[in-house]
Amino acid sequence: MPYFPDALQEAEESKRRCDWAFTERDKIVRERESIRTLCDKLRHERDTAVSKHIEALRDMDELKKHKSEAQKELKDVRLVFCVLQCILYFKITNGILKISCFIWQVVLK
């Protein structure tokens, strides 16, 4: 043993360094797995949010379509109402108080 006085110490130091390296590697592997899990969770949340956003856009388009149709119908009803008011006013001003069948035909169309 006199020829290798530091060999035992060097071997023990090498073993400690090797153990430390394996411990650090294990920490890095666990951290990488944790990051991967978090990324998967965030990707899923993003996909869900995008799907909900797309659905909301479709609903909004449908509501805009219904609104446009309702506005067109309201415009038509206002026009009929205006015509009826004019006819009624005309008949009242001419001394005729009853509404003719013609007006009801316009209303029922």
N, C-alpha and C. Protein backbone atom coordinates (compact mmCIF):
# COMPACT_ATOMS: atom_id res chain seq x y z
N MET A 1 0.77 -1.20 0.00
CA MET A 1 0.00 0.00 0.00
C MET A 1 0.82 1.28 0.00
N PRO A 2 2.03 1.22 0.28
CA PRO A 2 2.84 2.44 0.30
C PRO A 2 2.95 3.09 -1.08
N TYR A 3 2.78 2.31 -2.15
CA TYR A 3 2.91 2.90 -3.48
C TYR A 3 1.67 3.69 -3.92
N PHE A 4 0.53 3.41 -3.28
CA PHE A 4 -0.73 4.08 -3.66
C PHE A 4 -1.40 4.73 -2.45
N PRO A 5 -0.75 5.69 -1.84
CA PRO A 5 -1.34 6.27 -0.63
C PRO A 5 -2.62 7.09 -0.92
N ASP A 6 -2.68 7.73 -2.07
CA ASP A 6 -3.83 8.58 -2.38
C ASP A 6 -4.89 7.86 -3.22
N ALA A 7 -4.60 6.64 -3.62
CA ALA A 7 -5.50 5.92 -4.52
C ALA A 7 -6.86 5.67 -3.87
N LEU A 8 -6.87 5.30 -2.61
CA LEU A 8 -8.12 5.03 -1.92
C LEU A 8 -8.95 6.30 -1.80
N GLN A 9 -8.29 7.39 -1.46
CA GLN A 9 -8.99 8.66 -1.35
C GLN A 9 -9.55 9.09 -2.72
N GLU A 10 -8.75 8.91 -3.74
CA GLU A 10 -9.20 9.26 -5.09
C GLU A 10 -10.39 8.40 -5.53
N ALA A 11 -10.37 7.12 -5.16
CA ALA A 11 -11.47 6.22 -5.51
C ALA A 11 -12.75 6.65 -4.79
N GLU A 12 -12.62 7.01 -3.50
CA GLU A 12 -13.79 7.46 -2.74
C GLU A 12 -14.33 8.79 -3.30
N GLU A 13 -13.43 9.69 -3.67
CA GLU A 13 -13.84 10.97 -4.25
C GLU A 13 -14.53 10.74 -5.60
N SER A 14 -14.01 9.81 -6.39
CA SER A 14 -14.63 9.48 -7.68
C SER A 14 -16.01 8.91 -7.48
N LYS A 15 -16.17 8.05 -6.48
CA LYS A 15 -17.49 7.48 -6.20
C LYS A 15 -18.46 8.57 -5.76
N ARG A 16 -18.01 9.50 -4.90
CA ARG A 16 -18.87 10.61 -4.48
C ARG A 16 -19.29 11.47 -5.68
N ARG A 17 -18.35 11.75 -6.56
CA ARG A 17 -18.67 12.55 -7.75
C ARG A 17 -19.64 11.82 -8.68
N CYS A 18 -19.44 10.54 -8.82
CA CYS A 18 -20.33 9.73 -9.65
C CYS A 18 -21.74 9.73 -9.06
N ASP A 19 -21.84 9.53 -7.74
CA ASP A 19 -23.15 9.56 -7.07
C ASP A 19 -23.81 10.93 -7.24
N TRP A 20 -23.03 12.00 -7.08
CA TRP A 20 -23.56 13.35 -7.25
C TRP A 20 -24.08 13.54 -8.69
N ALA A 21 -23.32 13.06 -9.68
CA ALA A 21 -23.71 13.20 -11.08
C ALA A 21 -25.02 12.44 -11.35
N PHE A 22 -25.13 11.23 -10.80
CA PHE A 22 -26.37 10.46 -10.99
C PHE A 22 -27.56 11.18 -10.31
N THR A 23 -27.33 11.73 -9.14
CA THR A 23 -28.38 12.46 -8.43
C THR A 23 -28.82 13.67 -9.26
N GLU A 24 -27.88 14.42 -9.80
CA GLU A 24 -28.20 15.58 -10.63
C GLU A 24 -28.95 15.16 -11.90
N ARG A 25 -28.50 14.05 -12.49
CA ARG A 25 -29.19 13.55 -13.68
C ARG A 25 -30.64 13.18 -13.35
N ASP A 26 -30.85 12.53 -12.21
CA ASP A 26 -32.21 12.16 -11.80
C ASP A 26 -33.07 13.41 -11.57
N LYS A 27 -32.48 14.45 -10.97
CA LYS A 27 -33.23 15.70 -10.79
C LYS A 27 -33.64 16.29 -12.14
N ILE A 28 -32.73 16.30 -13.09
CA ILE A 28 -33.01 16.85 -14.41
C ILE A 28 -34.10 16.05 -15.12
N VAL A 29 -34.03 14.72 -14.99
CA VAL A 29 -35.05 13.87 -15.61
C VAL A 29 -36.42 14.15 -15.00
N ARG A 30 -36.49 14.27 -13.66
CA ARG A 30 -37.76 14.58 -13.01
C ARG A 30 -38.28 15.96 -13.43
N GLU A 31 -37.38 16.92 -13.52
CA GLU A 31 -37.78 18.26 -13.95
C GLU A 31 -38.30 18.25 -15.39
N ARG A 32 -37.62 17.51 -16.25
CA ARG A 32 -38.05 17.40 -17.65
C ARG A 32 -39.44 16.78 -17.74
N GLU A 33 -39.69 15.73 -16.96
CA GLU A 33 -41.00 15.09 -16.94
C GLU A 33 -42.07 16.05 -16.41
N SER A 34 -41.70 16.82 -15.39
CA SER A 34 -42.63 17.80 -14.83
C SER A 34 -42.98 18.85 -15.89
N ILE A 35 -41.99 19.32 -16.61
CA ILE A 35 -42.22 20.31 -17.68
C ILE A 35 -43.07 19.70 -18.78
N ARG A 36 -42.81 18.47 -19.14
CA ARG A 36 -43.60 17.79 -20.18
C ARG A 36 -45.06 17.67 -19.75
N THR A 37 -45.28 17.29 -18.50
CA THR A 37 -46.64 17.17 -17.98
C THR A 37 -47.35 18.52 -17.99
N LEU A 38 -46.64 19.56 -17.55
CA LEU A 38 -47.22 20.91 -17.56
C LEU A 38 -47.54 21.36 -18.99
N CYS A 39 -46.65 21.10 -19.93
CA CYS A 39 -46.89 21.47 -21.33
C CYS A 39 -48.12 20.73 -21.88
N ASP A 40 -48.25 19.45 -21.55
CA ASP A 40 -49.43 18.70 -22.00
C ASP A 40 -50.71 19.30 -21.42
N LYS A 41 -50.67 19.66 -20.15
CA LYS A 41 -51.84 20.25 -19.50
C LYS A 41 -52.18 21.59 -20.16
N LEU A 42 -51.17 22.43 -20.38
CA LEU A 42 -51.40 23.74 -21.01
C LEU A 42 -51.89 23.58 -22.45
N ARG A 43 -51.36 22.61 -23.17
CA ARG A 43 -51.80 22.35 -24.54
C ARG A 43 -53.28 21.95 -24.56
N HIS A 44 -53.65 21.10 -23.60
CA HIS A 44 -55.05 20.68 -23.51
C HIS A 44 -55.95 21.88 -23.19
N GLU A 45 -55.53 22.72 -22.24
CA GLU A 45 -56.31 23.91 -21.88
C GLU A 45 -56.43 24.85 -23.09
N ARG A 46 -55.34 25.01 -23.85
CA ARG A 46 -55.38 25.86 -25.04
C ARG A 46 -56.36 25.32 -26.06
N ASP A 47 -56.29 24.01 -26.30
CA ASP A 47 -57.19 23.38 -27.28
C ASP A 47 -58.65 23.55 -26.86
N THR A 48 -58.92 23.39 -25.58
CA THR A 48 -60.28 23.56 -25.07
C THR A 48 -60.73 25.01 -25.26
N ALA A 49 -59.86 25.96 -24.94
CA ALA A 49 -60.20 27.38 -25.08
C ALA A 49 -60.45 27.73 -26.55
N VAL A 50 -59.63 27.21 -27.45
CA VAL A 50 -59.81 27.47 -28.87
C VAL A 50 -61.14 26.89 -29.36
N SER A 51 -61.45 25.68 -28.93
CA SER A 51 -62.72 25.06 -29.31
C SER A 51 -63.91 25.89 -28.83
N LYS A 52 -63.85 26.35 -27.58
CA LYS A 52 -64.93 27.17 -27.04
C LYS A 52 -65.04 28.49 -27.81
N HIS A 53 -63.89 29.06 -28.17
CA HIS A 53 -63.89 30.32 -28.92
C HIS A 53 -64.52 30.12 -30.29
N ILE A 54 -64.18 29.04 -30.95
CA ILE A 54 -64.75 28.75 -32.27
C ILE A 54 -66.26 28.57 -32.15
N GLU A 55 -66.70 27.86 -31.13
CA GLU A 55 -68.13 27.65 -30.92
C GLU A 55 -68.84 28.99 -30.66
N ALA A 56 -68.19 29.85 -29.87
CA ALA A 56 -68.78 31.17 -29.60
C ALA A 56 -68.88 32.00 -30.88
N LEU A 57 -67.87 31.91 -31.74
CA LEU A 57 -67.91 32.63 -33.01
C LEU A 57 -69.05 32.12 -33.89
N ARG A 58 -69.24 30.82 -33.91
CA ARG A 58 -70.35 30.25 -34.69
C ARG A 58 -71.69 30.73 -34.14
N ASP A 59 -71.81 30.72 -32.81
CA ASP A 59 -73.05 31.20 -32.19
C ASP A 59 -73.28 32.68 -32.52
N MET A 60 -72.21 33.45 -32.49
CA MET A 60 -72.33 34.88 -32.80
C MET A 60 -72.78 35.07 -34.25
N ASP A 61 -72.22 34.30 -35.17
CA ASP A 61 -72.64 34.39 -36.56
C ASP A 61 -74.11 34.04 -36.72
N GLU A 62 -74.55 33.02 -36.00
CA GLU A 62 -75.95 32.60 -36.05
C GLU A 62 -76.85 33.70 -35.49
N LEU A 63 -76.43 34.33 -34.39
CA LEU A 63 -77.21 35.42 -33.81
C LEU A 63 -77.27 36.62 -34.76
N LYS A 64 -76.16 36.91 -35.42
CA LYS A 64 -76.16 38.01 -36.39
C LYS A 64 -77.13 37.72 -37.53
N LYS A 65 -77.17 36.48 -37.98
CA LYS A 65 -78.08 36.09 -39.05
C LYS A 65 -79.53 36.28 -38.60
N HIS A 66 -79.84 35.80 -37.38
CA HIS A 66 -81.20 35.94 -36.85
C HIS A 66 -81.55 37.42 -36.66
N LYS A 67 -80.60 38.21 -36.19
CA LYS A 67 -80.83 39.64 -36.00
C LYS A 67 -81.15 40.30 -37.33
N SER A 68 -80.37 39.96 -38.36
CA SER A 68 -80.59 40.54 -39.68
C SER A 68 -81.98 40.18 -40.21
N GLU A 69 -82.37 38.92 -40.04
CA GLU A 69 -83.70 38.48 -40.48
C GLU A 69 -84.80 39.21 -39.70
N ALA A 70 -84.59 39.37 -38.39
CA ALA A 70 -85.59 40.05 -37.56
C ALA A 70 -85.69 41.53 -37.95
N GLN A 71 -84.55 42.14 -38.26
CA GLN A 71 -84.58 43.54 -38.67
C GLN A 71 -85.31 43.70 -40.00
N LYS A 72 -85.11 42.77 -40.91
CA LYS A 72 -85.80 42.82 -42.20
C LYS A 72 -87.30 42.65 -41.98
N GLU A 73 -87.68 41.72 -41.15
CA GLU A 73 -89.10 41.50 -40.85
C GLU A 73 -89.70 42.72 -40.18
N LEU A 74 -88.97 43.33 -39.25
CA LEU A 74 -89.45 44.53 -38.57
C LEU A 74 -89.64 45.67 -39.57
N LYS A 75 -88.71 45.80 -40.49
CA LYS A 75 -88.82 46.83 -41.53
C LYS A 75 -90.10 46.62 -42.35
N ASP A 76 -90.35 45.36 -42.73
CA ASP A 76 -91.56 45.05 -43.49
C ASP A 76 -92.82 45.37 -42.69
N VAL A 77 -92.83 45.01 -41.41
CA VAL A 77 -93.99 45.27 -40.56
C VAL A 77 -94.21 46.77 -40.41
N ARG A 78 -93.13 47.51 -40.23
CA ARG A 78 -93.24 48.97 -40.11
C ARG A 78 -93.82 49.58 -41.39
N LEU A 79 -93.39 49.05 -42.53
CA LEU A 79 -93.91 49.55 -43.80
C LEU A 79 -95.41 49.29 -43.91
N VAL A 80 -95.83 48.08 -43.57
CA VAL A 80 -97.25 47.74 -43.60
C VAL A 80 -98.02 48.64 -42.64
N PHE A 81 -97.47 48.84 -41.45
CA PHE A 81 -98.12 49.69 -40.45
C PHE A 81 -98.27 51.12 -40.97
N CYS A 82 -97.22 51.62 -41.60
CA CYS A 82 -97.26 52.97 -42.15
C CYS A 82 -98.32 53.08 -43.24
N VAL A 83 -98.39 52.08 -44.12
CA VAL A 83 -99.40 52.07 -45.19
C VAL A 83 -100.79 52.05 -44.57
N LEU A 84 -100.99 51.22 -43.56
CA LEU A 84 -102.29 51.13 -42.91
C LEU A 84 -102.66 52.47 -42.25
N GLN A 85 -101.70 53.10 -41.62
CA GLN A 85 -101.97 54.40 -41.01
C GLN A 85 -102.39 55.42 -42.07
N CYS A 86 -101.68 55.42 -43.19
CA CYS A 86 -102.01 56.36 -44.26
C CYS A 86 -103.42 56.10 -44.81
N ILE A 87 -103.74 54.83 -45.04
CA ILE A 87 -105.07 54.48 -45.57
C ILE A 87 -106.15 54.85 -44.56
N LEU A 88 -105.91 54.53 -43.29
CA LEU A 88 -106.88 54.84 -42.26
C LEU A 88 -107.07 56.35 -42.13
N TYR A 89 -106.00 57.07 -42.17
CA TYR A 89 -106.08 58.53 -42.08
C TYR A 89 -106.89 59.08 -43.26
N PHE A 90 -106.58 58.55 -44.43
CA PHE A 90 -107.28 58.99 -45.64
C PHE A 90 -108.78 58.74 -45.51
N LYS A 91 -109.15 57.54 -45.03
CA LYS A 91 -110.57 57.20 -44.91
C LYS A 91 -111.24 58.03 -43.83
N ILE A 92 -110.54 58.28 -42.72
CA ILE A 92 -111.12 59.09 -41.64
C ILE A 92 -111.31 60.52 -42.12
N THR A 93 -110.32 61.05 -42.82
CA THR A 93 -110.43 62.43 -43.30
C THR A 93 -111.50 62.59 -44.36
N ASN A 94 -111.87 61.53 -45.02
CA ASN A 94 -112.94 61.57 -46.02
C ASN A 94 -114.28 61.16 -45.43
N GLY A 95 -114.36 61.04 -44.13
CA GLY A 95 -115.61 60.73 -43.48
C GLY A 95 -115.94 59.26 -43.44
N ILE A 96 -115.06 58.39 -43.88
CA ILE A 96 -115.33 56.94 -43.85
C ILE A 96 -114.61 56.39 -42.63
N LEU A 97 -115.30 55.77 -41.70
CA LEU A 97 -114.71 55.31 -40.44
C LEU A 97 -114.39 53.82 -40.42
N LYS A 98 -114.83 53.10 -41.39
CA LYS A 98 -114.53 51.66 -41.36
C LYS A 98 -113.33 51.35 -42.25
N ILE A 99 -112.66 50.26 -41.92
CA ILE A 99 -111.48 49.84 -42.66
C ILE A 99 -111.93 48.80 -43.68
N SER A 100 -111.48 48.95 -44.89
CA SER A 100 -111.92 48.04 -45.95
C SER A 100 -111.21 46.69 -45.85
N CYS A 101 -111.74 45.72 -46.56
CA CYS A 101 -111.13 44.39 -46.61
C CYS A 101 -109.73 44.45 -47.21
N PHE A 102 -109.49 45.43 -48.04
CA PHE A 102 -108.16 45.57 -48.66
C PHE A 102 -107.08 45.71 -47.60
N ILE A 103 -107.33 46.49 -46.56
CA ILE A 103 -106.33 46.70 -45.50
C ILE A 103 -106.04 45.38 -44.80
N TRP A 104 -107.10 44.62 -44.50
CA TRP A 104 -106.89 43.35 -43.82
C TRP A 104 -106.13 42.37 -44.70
N GLN A 105 -106.33 42.44 -45.98
CA GLN A 105 -105.58 41.57 -46.89
C GLN A 105 -104.09 41.93 -46.84
N VAL A 106 -103.78 43.22 -46.73
CA VAL A 106 -102.39 43.66 -46.61
C VAL A 106 -101.79 43.16 -45.30
N VAL A 107 -102.56 43.25 -44.22
CA VAL A 107 -102.07 42.83 -42.91
C VAL A 107 -101.82 41.33 -42.86
N LEU A 108 -102.68 40.57 -43.45
CA LEU A 108 -102.59 39.10 -43.37
C LEU A 108 -101.54 38.51 -44.28
N LYS A 109 -101.02 39.27 -45.20
CA LYS A 109 -100.01 38.73 -46.13
C LYS A 109 -98.72 38.47 -45.44
